[in-house]
Amino acid sequence: MCVYAMTSYKLHYACVSCRVSFKRHPADEGREHACPNCARPLLCAGHDFAPPPRRDARAWSVVAAVLAEGLRYEGRSPCGCTREPEPRPRTRAELRADRIAAERAGVSLAERLTPE
């Protein structure tokens, strides 16, 4: 058994409007984590979220689009040995190319960004 399976790791939560991120334990059912700056609910960004710098509004707009699709930045499985990282766009150009490809294929952006 993997060592990583024995530990519960914190998840990244992000507030897109404030452009901040925090690591918190997963929220209980019916309870949400709130942003300490604006009191809005934080969005769960996953285990492998790397927040862009706060001043980089363009990168945060890409993060907002990915999180709005209901996707998270996840890499490996909880034990750390079975899954490869999922590709996520990091720039507006990559996001635009993924949206165009999704429209041409007739699928949603979330389906396009989810590996098979």
Protein backbone atom coordinates (compact mmCIF):
# COMPACT_ATOMS: atom_id res chain seq x y z
CA MET A 1 0.00 0.00 0.00
CA CYS A 2 1.21 3.50 -0.80
CA VAL A 3 2.33 5.86 1.91
CA TYR A 4 0.20 8.62 0.34
CA ALA A 5 -2.99 6.65 0.95
CA MET A 6 -2.50 6.96 4.71
CA THR A 7 -2.65 10.77 4.87
CA SER A 8 -5.50 13.17 4.22
CA TYR A 9 -4.19 16.13 2.23
CA LYS A 10 -5.70 19.59 2.11
CA LEU A 11 -7.36 20.88 -1.06
CA HIS A 12 -6.76 24.23 -2.73
CA TYR A 13 -9.72 26.61 -2.62
CA ALA A 14 -9.75 29.79 -4.68
CA CYS A 15 -11.66 33.06 -4.69
CA VAL A 16 -11.52 34.28 -8.28
CA SER A 17 -12.90 37.74 -7.54
CA CYS A 18 -10.20 38.43 -4.90
CA ARG A 19 -7.57 36.40 -6.81
CA VAL A 20 -6.44 34.47 -3.74
CA SER A 21 -6.15 30.81 -2.87
CA PHE A 22 -6.06 28.88 0.38
CA LYS A 23 -5.45 25.30 1.43
CA ARG A 24 -8.23 23.84 3.54
CA HIS A 25 -9.44 20.43 4.58
CA PRO A 26 -12.40 19.29 2.45
CA ALA A 27 -15.66 20.95 3.51
CA ASP A 28 -18.32 18.87 5.19
CA GLU A 29 -21.63 18.17 3.44
CA GLY A 30 -23.79 21.30 3.28
CA ARG A 31 -20.96 23.54 4.48
CA GLU A 32 -18.79 25.77 2.30
CA HIS A 33 -15.53 27.57 2.96
CA ALA A 34 -15.88 31.35 2.75
CA CYS A 35 -13.31 33.82 1.48
CA PRO A 36 -11.90 35.83 4.41
CA ASN A 37 -11.73 38.94 2.19
CA CYS A 38 -15.19 39.08 0.59
CA ALA A 39 -17.14 36.30 2.40
CA ARG A 40 -18.15 34.65 -0.92
CA PRO A 41 -17.91 30.86 -1.14
CA LEU A 42 -14.50 29.55 -2.17
CA LEU A 43 -14.30 27.30 -5.24
CA CYS A 44 -12.57 23.97 -4.82
CA ALA A 45 -9.60 23.98 -7.20
CA GLY A 46 -8.25 20.50 -6.41
CA HIS A 47 -5.03 19.08 -5.03
CA ASP A 48 -2.64 20.32 -7.73
CA PHE A 49 -3.75 23.91 -8.26
CA ALA A 50 -0.89 26.36 -8.72
CA PRO A 51 -2.37 29.84 -8.33
CA PRO A 52 -1.08 32.54 -10.66
CA PRO A 53 0.30 35.75 -9.17
CA ARG A 54 -2.40 38.02 -7.80
CA ARG A 55 -1.53 40.82 -10.23
CA ASP A 56 -1.96 38.53 -13.27
CA ALA A 57 -5.63 39.17 -14.11
CA ARG A 58 -5.42 37.34 -17.44
CA ALA A 59 -4.24 34.10 -15.85
CA TRP A 60 -6.96 34.37 -13.20
CA SER A 61 -9.55 34.77 -15.97
CA VAL A 62 -8.41 31.39 -17.35
CA VAL A 63 -8.66 29.87 -13.85
CA ALA A 64 -12.18 31.32 -13.53
CA ALA A 65 -13.22 29.75 -16.84
CA VAL A 66 -11.85 26.32 -15.88
CA LEU A 67 -13.48 26.38 -12.43
CA ALA A 68 -16.76 27.66 -13.91
CA GLU A 69 -16.89 24.50 -16.05
CA GLY A 70 -16.87 22.47 -12.84
CA LEU A 71 -13.33 21.17 -13.39
CA ARG A 72 -10.57 20.95 -10.83
CA TYR A 73 -6.80 20.90 -11.05
CA GLU A 74 -6.14 17.28 -10.15
CA GLY A 75 -3.08 15.28 -10.97
CA ARG A 76 -2.51 11.99 -9.34
CA SER A 77 -4.93 9.80 -7.43
CA PRO A 78 -4.99 10.08 -3.62
CA CYS A 79 -2.39 7.34 -3.30
CA GLY A 80 -0.16 9.16 -5.80
CA CYS A 81 0.63 6.29 -8.12
CA THR A 82 -2.10 5.64 -10.69
CA ARG A 83 -3.13 8.75 -12.67
CA GLU A 84 -1.27 11.19 -14.81
CA PRO A 85 -1.91 14.95 -14.44
CA GLU A 86 -4.90 16.30 -16.36
CA PRO A 87 -4.06 19.04 -18.86
CA ARG A 88 -5.57 22.44 -18.13
CA PRO A 89 -5.12 25.64 -20.15
CA ARG A 90 -2.77 28.14 -18.56
CA THR A 91 -3.13 31.07 -20.98
CA ARG A 92 -6.00 32.77 -22.75
CA ALA A 93 -4.69 31.52 -26.11
CA GLU A 94 -4.78 27.91 -24.90
CA LEU A 95 -8.30 28.43 -23.52
CA ARG A 96 -9.47 29.99 -26.78
CA ALA A 97 -7.98 27.10 -28.80
CA ASP A 98 -9.71 24.57 -26.51
CA ARG A 99 -13.05 26.39 -26.85
CA ILE A 100 -12.77 26.44 -30.64
CA ALA A 101 -11.87 22.74 -30.72
CA ALA A 102 -14.81 21.95 -28.43
CA GLU A 103 -17.23 23.89 -30.65
CA ARG A 104 -15.97 22.12 -33.77
CA ALA A 105 -16.33 18.72 -32.10
CA GLY A 106 -19.78 19.62 -30.77
CA VAL A 107 -18.89 18.98 -27.13
CA SER A 108 -18.69 21.17 -24.06
CA LEU A 109 -15.43 22.67 -22.86
CA ALA A 110 -15.49 20.39 -19.81
CA GLU A 111 -15.71 17.29 -22.02
CA ARG A 112 -12.87 18.63 -24.17
CA LEU A 113 -10.61 19.20 -21.16
CA THR A 114 -11.36 15.86 -19.50
CA PRO A 115 -9.00 13.12 -20.67
CA GLU A 116 -10.50 9.88 -21.92
